[in-house]
Structures are given as structure tokens and as C-alpha cells.
């Protein structure tokens, strides 16, 4: 029997597939009124009556009744249970599937218009975490552990907006909780805020309360940012200025009611910075499109 060789990395193909995946994700996640909550967990086939299946379905149902849509990986097991709970609550139910050799098919509880198949784990993970209003973590294996640690990293580094994380299944996740506590004792930065519970209602209430708190914090930060931009961008003449300061300010302003205008030197410096950035971007794009084989002025490793 012939062994299929893995496909080598092709920058053009991989970048095109990633861009196509992001477009599919954007189309699928449009139309959520209050936003969505991501639920992750094992893809091992489960049935109703199983402890983890029932926990996932109940958690998704409570979140759906709170007004959230549910987004999963679209597969079986915990993902199927979460999509099922969303449909039972009348909430939007989306699935971000992967194109894999042996698995996985989409479960029957994903809305047909919100079912999509993607090429890479990375694009699916970005779709699951980007702009989510919360993360429900049910028991799972290596894939679930990878997703939850990546979520903590994305939220902690602000590559994705921060979102509350609720672990459902105290017995299963006790080891991870102990590991994080040990890291804190060893001087590693404190673990992200999260909840560990066995109660789906408590998990849904925690996500809703934290989402409201974070939304209010973002609104305040946006208001402060706009006020600071207005204070810096529009400078009005002040009667307390000395004659010398007034003369200097008059060079950059056409009047007390006119917005601030940059000088010729400032405009030249800004254009030079933009020119350097465009040049570096073009060189990096050339290096990427040639598979890293082109070395120009020390850009990229030699091949």
C-alpha cells in the first residue's frame, strides 16, 4: 500500500487558504444579536445520558436562553451536545469544522447556514476566540487543552479581546487548577480569571456577568480614548500663553477654532516613516512568496 506523503509548505497556497477561511468565518458569524459564546470539549462520540454530554447541553441551553449564540468545532461529542442545547434554546448554533483525512463530519444540530469547513487548526482557533463573549471549557483531550491554553495566551496578550472562561467539570479539571496554583506559588504571573464549577447555570451566569463587566470597561476605555484624541488633536489658543508661546502656536494653527495642523517637517517625517514601512512590507512579502529562499539585506534566514 502506497503511503501518502505530507504536502510541503507552500506560502501561496497556505496564505490563500487562510484568507479564504477567514472570509468563511466572517460570513458564518454574522447575524448574532448579542454575540456568541464558544464551547470546546472532546470530539469522542457521546450520547445523551453521558455526564459530559448532559453538562455541555445544559450549559449551552442556559447560555442560549441568556441571549447568546453558540459556536463550536461542529464535530461530535461535547460539540454536538452544545449545538443541541443551542437549538433547544432557540439560539443560533454555528460549527467551524475542519477538513481532515479521517474525520470529522458535521453534527446534525448545527444551523445549515452557519456550518463551514476550514483548512487549518489555526484559522479555526482564531474563529473560535476572536470576538467571542465567553469560553465554556468541557472535558477533552490534547485538542481541548491546546485550545484553552491558546485562549489564555490570546486574552492575556490582548491579541483577542478578553473574555470570561468557565471550566465545567471540577473533577476533570482539578489537575489543571493545581498546575496553575503551583505556577503561582513558583512566581509565575497569576493565572487568568476563570470559574471552575459543575453547575451549568453558575457557568452561564458567570459568563454573562463577566461579559457585562468587560463590555462596560471597554466602553469607558473607548470614551477616554476619544476624549484624549480630541484633547491632543484640537488645541485651542489659551490666554495664559506667553507672547513667545503664542507666536510658536500661531505657526501651527490657522486660528483658535481651527484644528491642529502639522508643520512641513512633521509631514516629511511621517511620510518617511510610511515609506520605510511600505518598503519593509514589500521585502517581507517577496520573501514569503518565494518560500524564504530570497535573502535581501539580511531579511529572513538563508536556505
Protein backbone atom coordinates (compact mmCIF):
# COMPACT_ATOMS: atom_id res chain seq x y z
CA UNK A 1 0.00 0.00 0.00
CA UNK A 2 1.39 3.36 -1.01
CA UNK A 3 1.99 5.86 1.78
CA UNK A 4 0.72 9.34 1.09
CA UNK A 5 3.48 11.90 1.60
CA UNK A 6 2.54 15.06 3.52
CA UNK A 7 2.16 18.19 1.44
CA UNK A 8 5.11 20.55 1.73
CA UNK A 9 4.56 24.08 2.95
CA UNK A 10 3.59 26.35 0.07
CA UNK A 11 3.31 30.04 1.03
CA UNK A 12 0.95 30.94 -1.81
CA UNK A 13 -1.45 28.06 -1.15
CA UNK A 14 -1.39 28.32 2.65
CA UNK A 15 -1.90 32.08 2.73
CA UNK A 16 -4.74 31.82 0.21
CA UNK A 17 -6.40 29.05 2.23
CA UNK A 18 -6.05 31.05 5.45
CA UNK A 19 -7.60 34.13 3.84
CA UNK A 20 -10.44 32.04 2.44
CA UNK A 21 -11.03 30.51 5.90
CA UNK A 22 -11.28 33.95 7.50
CA UNK A 23 -13.83 35.03 4.89
CA UNK A 24 -15.94 31.92 5.56
CA UNK A 25 -15.77 32.51 9.32
CA UNK A 26 -16.84 36.15 8.93
CA UNK A 27 -19.85 35.10 6.85
CA UNK A 28 -20.88 32.42 9.35
CA UNK A 29 -20.60 34.58 12.48
CA UNK A 30 -22.63 37.49 11.12
CA UNK A 31 -26.12 37.89 12.48
CA UNK A 32 -25.56 37.15 16.19
CA UNK A 33 -27.60 39.80 18.03
CA UNK A 34 -25.84 39.66 21.39
CA UNK A 35 -22.70 37.88 20.30
CA UNK A 36 -21.70 34.29 20.83
CA UNK A 37 -20.03 32.02 23.35
CA UNK A 38 -17.54 29.37 22.27
CA UNK A 39 -17.81 25.90 23.78
CA UNK A 40 -14.95 23.43 23.40
CA UNK A 41 -14.50 19.85 24.52
CA UNK A 42 -13.88 16.30 23.43
CA UNK A 43 -14.83 15.02 19.98
CA UNK A 44 -15.19 11.47 21.32
CA UNK A 45 -18.69 10.19 20.39
CA UNK A 46 -21.05 10.61 23.33
CA UNK A 47 -24.77 10.14 23.79
CA UNK A 48 -27.48 11.66 25.92
CA UNK A 49 -27.18 10.34 29.43
CA UNK A 50 -23.41 10.65 29.47
CA UNK A 51 -22.25 13.04 32.19
CA UNK A 52 -20.19 15.29 29.94
CA UNK A 53 -22.79 15.30 27.15
CA UNK A 54 -25.51 16.45 29.54
CA UNK A 55 -23.23 19.11 31.08
CA UNK A 56 -22.42 20.54 27.66
CA UNK A 57 -26.04 20.54 26.50
CA UNK A 58 -27.27 22.19 29.71
CA UNK A 59 -24.52 24.83 29.63
CA UNK A 60 -25.27 25.73 26.02
CA UNK A 61 -29.00 25.82 26.77
CA UNK A 62 -28.52 28.25 29.67
CA UNK A 63 -26.28 30.48 27.55
CA UNK A 64 -28.78 30.36 24.68
CA UNK A 65 -31.58 31.40 27.00
CA UNK A 66 -29.40 34.33 28.10
CA UNK A 67 -29.35 35.55 24.50
CA UNK A 68 -26.01 34.25 23.28
CA UNK A 69 -25.34 32.21 20.17
CA UNK A 70 -23.23 29.07 20.46
CA UNK A 71 -20.13 28.37 18.37
CA UNK A 72 -18.33 25.00 18.47
CA UNK A 73 -15.96 22.99 16.33
CA UNK A 74 -19.00 21.41 14.69
CA UNK A 75 -17.99 17.83 15.45
CA UNK A 76 -19.40 15.05 17.64
CA UNK A 77 -19.22 14.61 21.41
CA UNK A 78 -19.28 17.75 23.52
CA UNK A 79 -19.56 19.92 20.40
CA UNK A 80 -22.71 18.09 19.29
CA UNK A 81 -24.19 18.44 22.77
CA UNK A 82 -23.50 22.19 22.82
CA UNK A 83 -25.08 22.71 19.39
CA UNK A 84 -28.04 20.64 20.52
CA UNK A 85 -28.52 22.78 23.62
CA UNK A 86 -28.36 25.93 21.50
CA UNK A 87 -31.08 24.65 19.16
CA UNK A 88 -33.22 23.64 22.14
CA UNK A 89 -32.97 27.22 23.44
CA UNK A 90 -33.74 28.68 20.02
CA UNK A 91 -30.31 30.32 19.82
CA UNK A 92 -28.03 30.48 16.76
CA UNK A 93 -25.88 27.36 16.50
CA UNK A 94 -22.66 27.53 14.46
CA UNK A 95 -19.98 24.96 13.68
CA UNK A 96 -16.44 25.60 12.46
CA UNK A 97 -15.44 22.21 11.06
CA UNK A 98 -12.06 21.06 9.84
CA UNK A 99 -11.19 19.25 6.62
CA UNK A 100 -9.40 16.15 7.93
CA UNK A 101 -8.48 12.82 6.28
CA UNK A 102 -10.42 10.55 8.66
CA UNK A 103 -12.79 12.88 10.44
CA UNK A 104 -14.84 14.87 11.08
CA UNK A 105 -18.35 15.23 9.82
CA UNK A 106 -20.63 18.00 10.96
CA UNK A 107 -23.19 17.12 13.64
CA UNK A 108 -26.89 17.39 12.92
CA UNK A 109 -27.54 20.29 15.32
CA UNK A 110 -25.56 23.00 13.51
CA UNK A 111 -27.66 25.52 11.60
CA UNK A 112 -27.17 24.81 7.87
CA UNK A 113 -26.39 28.44 7.09
CA UNK A 114 -23.80 28.55 9.92
CA UNK A 115 -21.91 25.38 9.03
CA UNK A 116 -18.48 25.84 7.47
CA UNK A 117 -15.45 23.67 6.74
CA UNK A 118 -11.96 25.13 7.21
CA UNK A 119 -8.46 24.11 6.16
CA UNK A 120 -6.33 24.68 9.25
CA UNK A 121 -6.46 24.44 13.03
CA UNK A 122 -5.03 27.94 13.28
CA UNK A 123 -7.81 29.62 11.32
CA UNK A 124 -10.45 27.68 13.27
CA UNK A 125 -8.87 28.68 16.57
CA UNK A 126 -8.87 32.34 15.51
CA UNK A 127 -12.52 32.00 14.60
CA UNK A 128 -13.39 30.37 17.92
CA UNK A 129 -11.62 33.02 20.01
CA UNK A 130 -11.86 36.24 18.03
CA UNK A 131 -14.64 38.47 19.43
CA UNK A 132 -16.19 35.67 21.49
CA UNK A 133 -18.11 36.85 24.55
CA UNK A 134 -17.07 33.85 26.64
CA UNK A 135 -15.46 30.43 26.60
CA UNK A 136 -17.05 27.31 28.04
CA UNK A 137 -14.49 24.53 28.54
CA UNK A 138 -15.81 20.98 28.91
CA UNK A 139 -13.65 17.87 29.43
CA UNK A 140 -11.46 16.99 26.48
CA UNK A 141 -8.05 15.75 25.41
CA UNK A 142 -4.99 17.31 23.75
CA UNK A 143 -7.01 19.43 21.32
CA UNK A 144 -9.09 20.96 24.10
CA UNK A 145 -6.00 21.62 26.23
CA UNK A 146 -4.31 23.29 23.26
CA UNK A 147 -7.33 25.49 22.62
CA UNK A 148 -7.76 26.60 26.23
CA UNK A 149 -4.06 27.41 26.72
CA UNK A 150 -4.05 29.32 23.45
CA UNK A 151 -7.14 31.17 24.65
CA UNK A 152 -5.39 32.21 27.86
CA UNK A 153 -2.43 33.40 25.79
CA UNK A 154 -4.60 35.31 23.29
CA UNK A 155 -6.61 37.00 26.06
CA UNK A 156 -3.56 37.71 28.21
CA UNK A 157 -1.57 39.30 25.38
CA UNK A 158 -4.65 41.15 24.03
CA UNK A 159 -4.36 39.55 20.62
CA UNK A 160 -8.03 38.80 21.11
CA UNK A 161 -10.46 40.78 23.31
CA UNK A 162 -10.55 39.37 26.83
CA UNK A 163 -13.44 37.03 27.57
CA UNK A 164 -14.55 35.08 30.65
CA UNK A 165 -13.57 31.40 30.84
CA UNK A 166 -15.69 28.81 32.66
CA UNK A 167 -14.43 25.27 33.22
CA UNK A 168 -17.30 22.83 33.64
CA UNK A 169 -16.28 19.60 35.37
CA UNK A 170 -14.42 20.12 38.65
CA UNK A 171 -13.11 16.56 38.93
CA UNK A 172 -11.72 16.50 35.39
CA UNK A 173 -10.08 19.96 35.53
CA UNK A 174 -8.76 19.68 39.11
CA UNK A 175 -5.30 18.77 37.81
CA UNK A 176 -5.09 21.87 35.61
CA UNK A 177 -6.22 24.02 38.53
CA UNK A 178 -3.48 22.51 40.71
CA UNK A 179 -0.91 23.16 37.98
CA UNK A 180 -1.90 26.82 37.74
CA UNK A 181 -1.81 27.18 41.54
CA UNK A 182 1.67 25.66 41.60
CA UNK A 183 2.84 28.11 38.93
CA UNK A 184 1.54 30.99 41.01
CA UNK A 185 3.48 29.73 44.04
CA UNK A 186 6.65 29.49 41.95
CA UNK A 187 6.43 33.14 40.98
CA UNK A 188 4.86 32.72 37.56
CA UNK A 189 2.34 35.53 36.84
CA UNK A 190 -1.09 34.93 38.29
CA UNK A 191 -3.43 32.75 36.25
CA UNK A 192 -6.24 34.38 34.27
CA UNK A 193 -9.59 34.87 35.91
CA UNK A 194 -11.86 31.88 35.42
CA UNK A 195 -14.51 29.76 37.08
CA UNK A 196 -14.40 26.06 37.95
CA UNK A 197 -17.83 24.56 38.52
CA UNK A 198 -20.15 21.61 37.97
CA UNK A 199 -23.28 23.75 37.66
CA UNK A 200 -24.24 24.83 34.10
CA UNK A 201 -26.38 27.67 35.45
CA UNK A 202 -23.49 29.01 37.51
CA UNK A 203 -21.21 28.84 34.46
CA UNK A 204 -23.72 30.71 32.28
CA UNK A 205 -24.32 33.35 34.97
CA UNK A 206 -20.57 33.86 35.41
CA UNK A 207 -20.01 34.34 31.68
CA UNK A 208 -22.92 36.77 31.43
CA UNK A 209 -21.82 38.87 34.43
CA UNK A 210 -18.18 38.99 33.35
CA UNK A 211 -19.20 39.85 29.79
CA UNK A 212 -21.26 42.79 31.03
CA UNK A 213 -18.38 43.96 33.24
CA UNK A 214 -15.84 43.75 30.40
CA UNK A 215 -18.23 45.46 27.97
CA UNK A 216 -18.69 48.36 30.37
CA UNK A 217 -14.92 48.58 30.85
CA UNK A 218 -14.38 48.70 27.09
CA UNK A 219 -16.98 51.45 26.72
CA UNK A 220 -15.23 53.53 29.36
CA UNK A 221 -11.84 52.99 27.74
CA UNK A 222 -13.23 53.98 24.34
CA UNK A 223 -14.78 57.14 25.79
CA UNK A 224 -11.49 58.04 27.47
CA UNK A 225 -9.55 57.35 24.28
CA UNK A 226 -11.84 59.61 22.23
CA UNK A 227 -11.55 62.40 24.78
CA UNK A 228 -7.75 62.13 24.78
CA UNK A 229 -7.63 62.18 20.99
CA UNK A 230 -9.84 65.26 20.96
CA UNK A 231 -7.61 66.97 23.52
CA UNK A 232 -4.46 66.23 21.52
CA UNK A 233 -5.87 66.74 18.05
CA UNK A 234 -7.64 70.05 18.67
CA UNK A 235 -5.56 72.62 20.56
CA UNK A 236 -7.16 75.99 21.18
CA UNK A 237 -5.43 79.26 21.95
CA UNK A 238 -5.01 79.90 25.65
CA UNK A 239 -4.94 83.44 27.14
CA UNK A 240 -2.29 82.28 29.66
CA UNK A 241 0.29 81.72 26.92
CA UNK A 242 3.29 84.00 26.81
CA UNK A 243 3.95 86.07 23.71
CA UNK A 244 6.71 83.66 22.57
CA UNK A 245 4.50 80.60 23.10
CA UNK A 246 1.66 82.32 21.28
CA UNK A 247 3.92 83.04 18.31
CA UNK A 248 5.06 79.40 18.21
CA UNK A 249 1.49 78.15 18.39
CA UNK A 250 0.35 80.50 15.66
CA UNK A 251 2.76 78.84 13.24
CA UNK A 252 0.85 75.55 13.55
CA UNK A 253 -2.70 76.89 13.80
CA UNK A 254 -4.80 78.98 11.49
CA UNK A 255 -6.90 80.25 14.36
CA UNK A 256 -8.29 79.31 17.79
CA UNK A 257 -11.20 77.41 16.21
CA UNK A 258 -9.19 75.53 13.64
CA UNK A 259 -7.81 72.02 14.22
CA UNK A 260 -4.12 71.46 14.72
CA UNK A 261 -2.08 71.32 11.53
CA UNK A 262 1.31 69.55 11.27
CA UNK A 263 4.33 71.50 10.10
CA UNK A 264 6.20 70.73 6.88
CA UNK A 265 8.92 68.96 8.89
CA UNK A 266 6.37 66.81 10.74
CA UNK A 267 4.65 65.86 7.50
CA UNK A 268 8.01 64.94 5.94
CA UNK A 269 8.95 62.74 8.88
CA UNK A 270 5.58 60.96 8.76
CA UNK A 271 5.95 60.33 5.03
CA UNK A 272 9.48 58.96 5.55
CA UNK A 273 8.25 56.56 8.25
CA UNK A 274 5.44 55.36 6.00
CA UNK A 275 7.87 54.90 3.10
CA UNK A 276 10.18 52.76 5.25
CA UNK A 277 7.25 50.67 6.47
CA UNK A 278 5.99 50.10 2.91
CA UNK A 279 9.49 49.10 1.79
CA UNK A 280 9.92 46.60 4.62
CA UNK A 281 6.45 45.16 3.93
CA UNK A 282 7.28 44.69 0.25
CA UNK A 283 10.56 42.95 1.08
CA UNK A 284 8.87 40.64 3.59
CA UNK A 285 6.09 39.83 1.12
CA UNK A 286 8.71 38.94 -1.53
CA UNK A 287 10.50 36.71 0.96
CA UNK A 288 7.24 34.95 1.89
CA UNK A 289 6.16 34.41 -1.70
CA UNK A 290 9.50 32.81 -2.59
CA UNK A 291 9.33 30.40 0.33
CA UNK A 292 12.06 32.18 2.28
CA UNK A 293 14.74 31.49 -0.31
CA UNK A 294 15.40 35.14 -1.18
CA UNK A 295 17.80 36.91 1.17
CA UNK A 296 17.98 40.66 0.81
CA UNK A 297 19.78 42.90 3.30
CA UNK A 298 19.64 40.22 5.94
CA UNK A 299 15.87 39.69 5.64
CA UNK A 300 14.90 36.12 6.51
CA UNK A 301 17.06 33.06 7.08
CA UNK A 302 19.27 31.64 4.37
CA UNK A 303 18.03 28.46 2.69
